N, C-alpha and C. Protein backbone atom coordinates (compact mmCIF):
# COMPACT_ATOMS: atom_id res chain seq x y z
N MET A 1 -40.50 84.77 -33.25
CA MET A 1 -41.29 83.56 -33.33
C MET A 1 -40.58 82.46 -32.55
N ARG A 2 -41.32 81.81 -31.68
CA ARG A 2 -40.77 80.69 -30.92
C ARG A 2 -41.01 79.40 -31.69
N ILE A 3 -39.94 78.64 -31.90
CA ILE A 3 -40.03 77.40 -32.67
C ILE A 3 -40.48 76.26 -31.77
N ASP A 4 -41.45 75.49 -32.27
CA ASP A 4 -41.98 74.32 -31.58
C ASP A 4 -41.33 73.09 -32.22
N ASP A 5 -40.56 72.35 -31.43
CA ASP A 5 -39.82 71.21 -31.96
C ASP A 5 -40.71 70.06 -32.43
N THR A 6 -42.00 70.10 -32.12
CA THR A 6 -42.87 68.99 -32.49
C THR A 6 -43.48 69.16 -33.88
N ARG A 7 -43.31 70.32 -34.50
CA ARG A 7 -43.88 70.57 -35.83
C ARG A 7 -42.79 71.05 -36.78
N PRO A 8 -42.89 70.70 -38.06
CA PRO A 8 -41.90 71.18 -39.01
C PRO A 8 -41.83 72.71 -39.02
N ILE A 9 -40.63 73.23 -39.12
CA ILE A 9 -40.43 74.69 -39.07
C ILE A 9 -41.17 75.38 -40.20
N TRP A 10 -41.15 74.79 -41.40
CA TRP A 10 -41.80 75.46 -42.53
C TRP A 10 -43.30 75.62 -42.29
N ILE A 11 -43.92 74.67 -41.61
CA ILE A 11 -45.35 74.77 -41.30
C ILE A 11 -45.57 75.89 -40.28
N GLN A 12 -44.70 75.98 -39.30
CA GLN A 12 -44.81 77.04 -38.30
C GLN A 12 -44.63 78.41 -38.95
N LEU A 13 -43.68 78.50 -39.87
CA LEU A 13 -43.48 79.77 -40.59
C LEU A 13 -44.70 80.11 -41.44
N ALA A 14 -45.24 79.12 -42.13
CA ALA A 14 -46.43 79.36 -42.96
C ALA A 14 -47.58 79.86 -42.08
N ASP A 15 -47.75 79.26 -40.90
CA ASP A 15 -48.79 79.71 -39.97
C ASP A 15 -48.55 81.15 -39.54
N SER A 16 -47.31 81.49 -39.25
CA SER A 16 -46.96 82.84 -38.85
C SER A 16 -47.24 83.83 -39.98
N PHE A 17 -46.89 83.46 -41.20
CA PHE A 17 -47.11 84.34 -42.34
C PHE A 17 -48.61 84.50 -42.62
N ARG A 18 -49.38 83.42 -42.47
CA ARG A 18 -50.85 83.51 -42.62
C ARG A 18 -51.42 84.50 -41.62
N SER A 19 -50.91 84.44 -40.39
CA SER A 19 -51.38 85.36 -39.35
C SER A 19 -51.09 86.80 -39.72
N ARG A 20 -49.95 87.04 -40.33
CA ARG A 20 -49.61 88.40 -40.74
C ARG A 20 -50.59 88.91 -41.80
N ILE A 21 -51.09 87.99 -42.61
CA ILE A 21 -52.08 88.38 -43.62
C ILE A 21 -53.43 88.62 -42.97
N THR A 22 -53.86 87.71 -42.11
CA THR A 22 -55.19 87.85 -41.51
C THR A 22 -55.28 89.03 -40.55
N ASN A 23 -54.19 89.34 -39.85
CA ASN A 23 -54.27 90.45 -38.89
C ASN A 23 -53.94 91.80 -39.52
N GLY A 24 -53.65 91.80 -40.82
CA GLY A 24 -53.43 93.06 -41.51
C GLY A 24 -52.01 93.59 -41.49
N THR A 25 -51.08 92.84 -40.90
CA THR A 25 -49.68 93.27 -40.92
C THR A 25 -49.20 93.33 -42.37
N TRP A 26 -49.55 92.30 -43.14
CA TRP A 26 -49.30 92.29 -44.58
C TRP A 26 -50.64 92.51 -45.25
N LYS A 27 -50.81 93.63 -45.91
CA LYS A 27 -52.08 94.02 -46.50
C LYS A 27 -52.22 93.52 -47.94
N PRO A 28 -53.47 93.31 -48.40
CA PRO A 28 -53.70 92.86 -49.79
C PRO A 28 -53.00 93.78 -50.79
N GLY A 29 -52.30 93.17 -51.73
CA GLY A 29 -51.60 93.91 -52.76
C GLY A 29 -50.21 94.39 -52.35
N GLU A 30 -49.88 94.25 -51.09
CA GLU A 30 -48.60 94.74 -50.57
C GLU A 30 -47.49 93.72 -50.84
N LYS A 31 -46.32 94.24 -51.14
CA LYS A 31 -45.15 93.37 -51.32
C LYS A 31 -44.69 92.91 -49.94
N ILE A 32 -44.41 91.61 -49.85
CA ILE A 32 -43.93 91.09 -48.56
C ILE A 32 -42.41 91.06 -48.57
N PRO A 33 -41.81 91.00 -47.40
CA PRO A 33 -40.34 90.97 -47.34
C PRO A 33 -39.76 89.81 -48.14
N SER A 34 -38.51 89.95 -48.53
CA SER A 34 -37.84 88.92 -49.32
C SER A 34 -37.63 87.65 -48.49
N VAL A 35 -37.42 86.56 -49.20
CA VAL A 35 -37.13 85.29 -48.54
C VAL A 35 -35.92 85.45 -47.63
N ARG A 36 -34.91 86.12 -48.12
CA ARG A 36 -33.69 86.31 -47.34
C ARG A 36 -33.97 87.08 -46.05
N ASP A 37 -34.75 88.18 -46.17
CA ASP A 37 -35.07 88.98 -44.98
C ASP A 37 -35.90 88.19 -43.97
N LEU A 38 -36.85 87.41 -44.48
CA LEU A 38 -37.69 86.60 -43.58
C LEU A 38 -36.85 85.50 -42.91
N ALA A 39 -35.91 84.94 -43.65
CA ALA A 39 -35.03 83.91 -43.07
C ALA A 39 -34.17 84.49 -41.96
N ILE A 40 -33.65 85.68 -42.19
CA ILE A 40 -32.84 86.34 -41.15
C ILE A 40 -33.71 86.61 -39.93
N GLU A 41 -34.91 87.14 -40.17
CA GLU A 41 -35.84 87.43 -39.07
C GLU A 41 -36.16 86.18 -38.25
N ALA A 42 -36.39 85.07 -38.95
CA ALA A 42 -36.77 83.82 -38.27
C ALA A 42 -35.57 83.04 -37.77
N GLY A 43 -34.38 83.40 -38.23
CA GLY A 43 -33.19 82.66 -37.84
C GLY A 43 -33.18 81.27 -38.41
N THR A 44 -33.62 81.15 -39.66
CA THR A 44 -33.69 79.84 -40.29
C THR A 44 -33.16 79.91 -41.71
N ASN A 45 -33.07 78.78 -42.36
CA ASN A 45 -32.57 78.66 -43.71
C ASN A 45 -33.55 79.27 -44.71
N PRO A 46 -33.07 80.01 -45.72
CA PRO A 46 -33.96 80.57 -46.73
C PRO A 46 -34.81 79.51 -47.45
N ASN A 47 -34.29 78.30 -47.61
CA ASN A 47 -35.06 77.24 -48.27
C ASN A 47 -36.30 76.88 -47.46
N THR A 48 -36.18 76.95 -46.14
CA THR A 48 -37.32 76.67 -45.26
C THR A 48 -38.38 77.75 -45.41
N VAL A 49 -37.94 78.99 -45.48
CA VAL A 49 -38.87 80.11 -45.69
C VAL A 49 -39.54 79.99 -47.05
N GLN A 50 -38.76 79.63 -48.07
CA GLN A 50 -39.31 79.47 -49.42
C GLN A 50 -40.39 78.41 -49.43
N ARG A 51 -40.17 77.32 -48.72
CA ARG A 51 -41.17 76.24 -48.68
C ARG A 51 -42.46 76.74 -48.03
N ALA A 52 -42.34 77.54 -46.96
CA ALA A 52 -43.52 78.10 -46.29
C ALA A 52 -44.27 79.05 -47.22
N LEU A 53 -43.53 79.88 -47.94
CA LEU A 53 -44.17 80.84 -48.85
C LEU A 53 -44.80 80.13 -50.05
N THR A 54 -44.20 79.06 -50.50
CA THR A 54 -44.78 78.27 -51.59
C THR A 54 -46.14 77.72 -51.17
N ALA A 55 -46.25 77.31 -49.91
CA ALA A 55 -47.54 76.82 -49.41
C ALA A 55 -48.59 77.94 -49.48
N LEU A 56 -48.19 79.17 -49.14
CA LEU A 56 -49.12 80.30 -49.23
C LEU A 56 -49.49 80.60 -50.68
N ASP A 57 -48.53 80.46 -51.58
CA ASP A 57 -48.81 80.63 -53.00
C ASP A 57 -49.87 79.62 -53.45
N GLU A 58 -49.68 78.37 -53.05
CA GLU A 58 -50.60 77.30 -53.44
C GLU A 58 -52.00 77.51 -52.87
N GLU A 59 -52.08 78.18 -51.71
CA GLU A 59 -53.38 78.48 -51.10
C GLU A 59 -54.02 79.73 -51.72
N GLY A 60 -53.30 80.40 -52.58
CA GLY A 60 -53.82 81.61 -53.20
C GLY A 60 -53.73 82.85 -52.33
N LEU A 61 -52.93 82.78 -51.27
CA LEU A 61 -52.81 83.92 -50.36
C LEU A 61 -51.71 84.88 -50.77
N THR A 62 -50.71 84.37 -51.49
CA THR A 62 -49.64 85.22 -51.99
C THR A 62 -49.45 84.94 -53.47
N ILE A 63 -48.88 85.93 -54.15
CA ILE A 63 -48.64 85.80 -55.59
C ILE A 63 -47.18 86.14 -55.88
N PRO A 64 -46.42 85.15 -56.34
CA PRO A 64 -45.02 85.45 -56.69
C PRO A 64 -44.95 86.10 -58.07
N LYS A 65 -44.12 87.12 -58.18
CA LYS A 65 -43.86 87.77 -59.47
C LYS A 65 -42.36 87.71 -59.67
N ARG A 66 -41.93 87.02 -60.68
CA ARG A 66 -40.52 86.67 -60.88
C ARG A 66 -39.53 87.78 -60.57
N THR A 67 -39.70 88.94 -61.14
CA THR A 67 -38.70 89.98 -60.96
C THR A 67 -39.09 91.02 -59.92
N ALA A 68 -40.33 90.98 -59.47
CA ALA A 68 -40.79 92.03 -58.55
C ALA A 68 -40.93 91.57 -57.11
N GLY A 69 -40.84 90.28 -56.86
CA GLY A 69 -41.01 89.78 -55.50
C GLY A 69 -42.34 89.06 -55.32
N ARG A 70 -42.78 88.98 -54.10
CA ARG A 70 -44.02 88.26 -53.77
C ARG A 70 -44.97 89.25 -53.11
N PHE A 71 -46.26 89.12 -53.46
CA PHE A 71 -47.27 90.06 -52.99
C PHE A 71 -48.42 89.32 -52.33
N VAL A 72 -49.07 89.99 -51.38
CA VAL A 72 -50.27 89.43 -50.76
C VAL A 72 -51.37 89.49 -51.81
N ALA A 73 -52.10 88.41 -51.96
CA ALA A 73 -53.19 88.35 -52.92
C ALA A 73 -54.28 89.36 -52.55
N THR A 74 -54.98 89.81 -53.55
CA THR A 74 -56.07 90.76 -53.31
C THR A 74 -57.42 90.06 -53.39
N ASP A 75 -57.41 88.74 -53.43
CA ASP A 75 -58.63 87.94 -53.50
C ASP A 75 -59.34 87.95 -52.14
N ASP A 76 -60.42 88.72 -52.06
CA ASP A 76 -61.15 88.84 -50.80
C ASP A 76 -61.72 87.50 -50.33
N ALA A 77 -62.11 86.65 -51.26
CA ALA A 77 -62.71 85.36 -50.88
C ALA A 77 -61.69 84.50 -50.13
N ALA A 78 -60.46 84.45 -50.63
CA ALA A 78 -59.42 83.65 -49.97
C ALA A 78 -59.13 84.19 -48.58
N LEU A 79 -59.08 85.52 -48.46
CA LEU A 79 -58.80 86.13 -47.16
C LEU A 79 -59.96 85.89 -46.19
N ARG A 80 -61.20 86.01 -46.68
CA ARG A 80 -62.35 85.75 -45.81
C ARG A 80 -62.36 84.30 -45.33
N THR A 81 -62.02 83.38 -46.23
CA THR A 81 -61.96 81.97 -45.86
C THR A 81 -60.91 81.75 -44.78
N LEU A 82 -59.74 82.34 -44.98
CA LEU A 82 -58.66 82.19 -44.00
C LEU A 82 -59.06 82.78 -42.65
N ARG A 83 -59.62 83.97 -42.66
CA ARG A 83 -60.05 84.59 -41.40
C ARG A 83 -61.15 83.77 -40.74
N GLY A 84 -62.06 83.24 -41.54
CA GLY A 84 -63.12 82.39 -40.99
C GLY A 84 -62.56 81.14 -40.35
N ASP A 85 -61.59 80.52 -41.01
CA ASP A 85 -60.95 79.32 -40.45
C ASP A 85 -60.27 79.65 -39.12
N ASP A 86 -59.55 80.77 -39.09
CA ASP A 86 -58.87 81.18 -37.86
C ASP A 86 -59.87 81.50 -36.76
N ALA A 87 -60.95 82.17 -37.11
CA ALA A 87 -61.96 82.52 -36.11
C ALA A 87 -62.64 81.27 -35.56
N ARG A 88 -62.93 80.30 -36.43
CA ARG A 88 -63.53 79.05 -35.96
C ARG A 88 -62.60 78.31 -35.02
N ALA A 89 -61.32 78.30 -35.33
CA ALA A 89 -60.35 77.63 -34.46
C ALA A 89 -60.27 78.33 -33.11
N ALA A 90 -60.27 79.65 -33.12
CA ALA A 90 -60.23 80.41 -31.86
C ALA A 90 -61.50 80.18 -31.06
N ALA A 91 -62.64 80.13 -31.75
CA ALA A 91 -63.91 79.89 -31.06
C ALA A 91 -63.91 78.51 -30.41
N SER A 92 -63.40 77.52 -31.12
CA SER A 92 -63.34 76.16 -30.56
C SER A 92 -62.46 76.11 -29.32
N THR A 93 -61.35 76.82 -29.35
CA THR A 93 -60.46 76.88 -28.19
C THR A 93 -61.18 77.53 -27.01
N TYR A 94 -61.88 78.63 -27.27
CA TYR A 94 -62.63 79.32 -26.21
C TYR A 94 -63.72 78.42 -25.64
N ILE A 95 -64.44 77.73 -26.49
CA ILE A 95 -65.52 76.84 -26.03
C ILE A 95 -64.96 75.72 -25.15
N ARG A 96 -63.86 75.11 -25.61
CA ARG A 96 -63.25 74.04 -24.80
C ARG A 96 -62.81 74.55 -23.44
N ALA A 97 -62.21 75.75 -23.42
CA ALA A 97 -61.75 76.32 -22.15
C ALA A 97 -62.94 76.61 -21.23
N CYS A 98 -64.01 77.17 -21.77
CA CYS A 98 -65.20 77.46 -20.96
C CYS A 98 -65.81 76.18 -20.40
N ARG A 99 -65.90 75.16 -21.24
CA ARG A 99 -66.46 73.89 -20.77
C ARG A 99 -65.60 73.29 -19.67
N ALA A 100 -64.27 73.37 -19.84
CA ALA A 100 -63.37 72.83 -18.82
C ALA A 100 -63.53 73.57 -17.49
N LEU A 101 -63.88 74.85 -17.56
CA LEU A 101 -64.08 75.65 -16.35
C LEU A 101 -65.50 75.56 -15.81
N GLY A 102 -66.37 74.85 -16.52
CA GLY A 102 -67.75 74.71 -16.08
C GLY A 102 -68.61 75.94 -16.37
N VAL A 103 -68.19 76.77 -17.31
CA VAL A 103 -68.95 77.98 -17.67
C VAL A 103 -70.11 77.58 -18.58
N GLU A 104 -71.28 78.06 -18.26
CA GLU A 104 -72.47 77.78 -19.06
C GLU A 104 -72.42 78.57 -20.37
N LYS A 105 -73.14 78.08 -21.38
CA LYS A 105 -73.14 78.70 -22.70
C LYS A 105 -73.54 80.18 -22.64
N GLU A 106 -74.59 80.48 -21.91
CA GLU A 106 -75.07 81.86 -21.82
C GLU A 106 -74.02 82.77 -21.18
N ASP A 107 -73.34 82.26 -20.15
CA ASP A 107 -72.28 83.04 -19.50
C ASP A 107 -71.08 83.23 -20.43
N ALA A 108 -70.77 82.21 -21.22
CA ALA A 108 -69.67 82.33 -22.18
C ALA A 108 -69.98 83.41 -23.21
N HIS A 109 -71.23 83.46 -23.67
CA HIS A 109 -71.65 84.51 -24.61
C HIS A 109 -71.52 85.88 -23.97
N ARG A 110 -71.99 85.99 -22.75
CA ARG A 110 -71.95 87.28 -22.05
C ARG A 110 -70.50 87.75 -21.87
N LEU A 111 -69.63 86.83 -21.45
CA LEU A 111 -68.22 87.17 -21.27
C LEU A 111 -67.58 87.64 -22.58
N LEU A 112 -67.91 86.96 -23.64
CA LEU A 112 -67.37 87.33 -24.95
C LEU A 112 -67.87 88.72 -25.34
N ASP A 113 -69.15 88.99 -25.16
CA ASP A 113 -69.71 90.31 -25.47
C ASP A 113 -69.04 91.40 -24.64
N GLU A 114 -68.82 91.14 -23.36
CA GLU A 114 -68.18 92.13 -22.49
C GLU A 114 -66.76 92.44 -22.95
N ARG A 115 -66.02 91.42 -23.31
CA ARG A 115 -64.63 91.60 -23.68
C ARG A 115 -64.45 92.16 -25.10
N TRP A 116 -65.40 91.89 -25.95
CA TRP A 116 -65.28 92.29 -27.36
C TRP A 116 -64.99 93.79 -27.49
N ASP A 117 -65.82 94.61 -26.88
CA ASP A 117 -65.66 96.06 -27.00
C ASP A 117 -64.41 96.54 -26.27
N THR A 118 -64.16 95.99 -25.11
CA THR A 118 -63.00 96.40 -24.32
C THR A 118 -61.70 96.08 -25.06
N ASP A 119 -61.58 94.86 -25.55
CA ASP A 119 -60.35 94.46 -26.24
C ASP A 119 -60.20 95.20 -27.56
N SER A 120 -61.29 95.44 -28.28
CA SER A 120 -61.22 96.13 -29.57
C SER A 120 -60.71 97.55 -29.42
N GLU A 121 -61.02 98.20 -28.31
CA GLU A 121 -60.56 99.56 -28.08
C GLU A 121 -59.04 99.62 -28.01
N HIS A 122 -58.42 98.54 -27.58
CA HIS A 122 -56.98 98.54 -27.35
C HIS A 122 -56.19 97.87 -28.47
N THR A 123 -56.87 97.32 -29.46
CA THR A 123 -56.15 96.61 -30.51
C THR A 123 -56.52 97.13 -31.90
N GLY A 124 -56.99 98.33 -31.99
CA GLY A 124 -57.30 98.90 -33.30
C GLY A 124 -58.42 98.18 -34.01
N GLY A 125 -59.39 97.66 -33.26
CA GLY A 125 -60.53 97.00 -33.86
C GLY A 125 -60.35 95.51 -34.06
N ILE A 126 -59.16 95.00 -33.79
CA ILE A 126 -58.92 93.57 -33.91
C ILE A 126 -58.92 92.98 -32.52
N PRO A 127 -59.96 92.19 -32.18
CA PRO A 127 -59.98 91.61 -30.84
C PRO A 127 -58.74 90.75 -30.60
N SER A 128 -58.19 90.87 -29.40
CA SER A 128 -56.98 90.07 -29.09
C SER A 128 -57.36 88.76 -28.44
């Protein structure tokens, strides 16, 4: 993970962890790595990782269990909401880029349709 100096690290970590949930790296009901392991992976303080994970707990995306660790929530509604939010943000980015390039709406739709199947074949069904 590349750290962006303009945003707090814990927010960047929380975003990264959310992505792991939405893209299926961390599956519903699965135990996630320990705070210590995630801190080593990110090269940051465990307290910073804990703060990021607490944010996910508060959002209902993860469930801490005192002696067993932390698990990805199995609440489909929370996951659908998160994926929907991410998809809307990606769509907005795509729309802005197309408008900046002068691409018409119909052409933007066509390009998206063309790429959808091609990209899905190479990413296990998850468009890149």
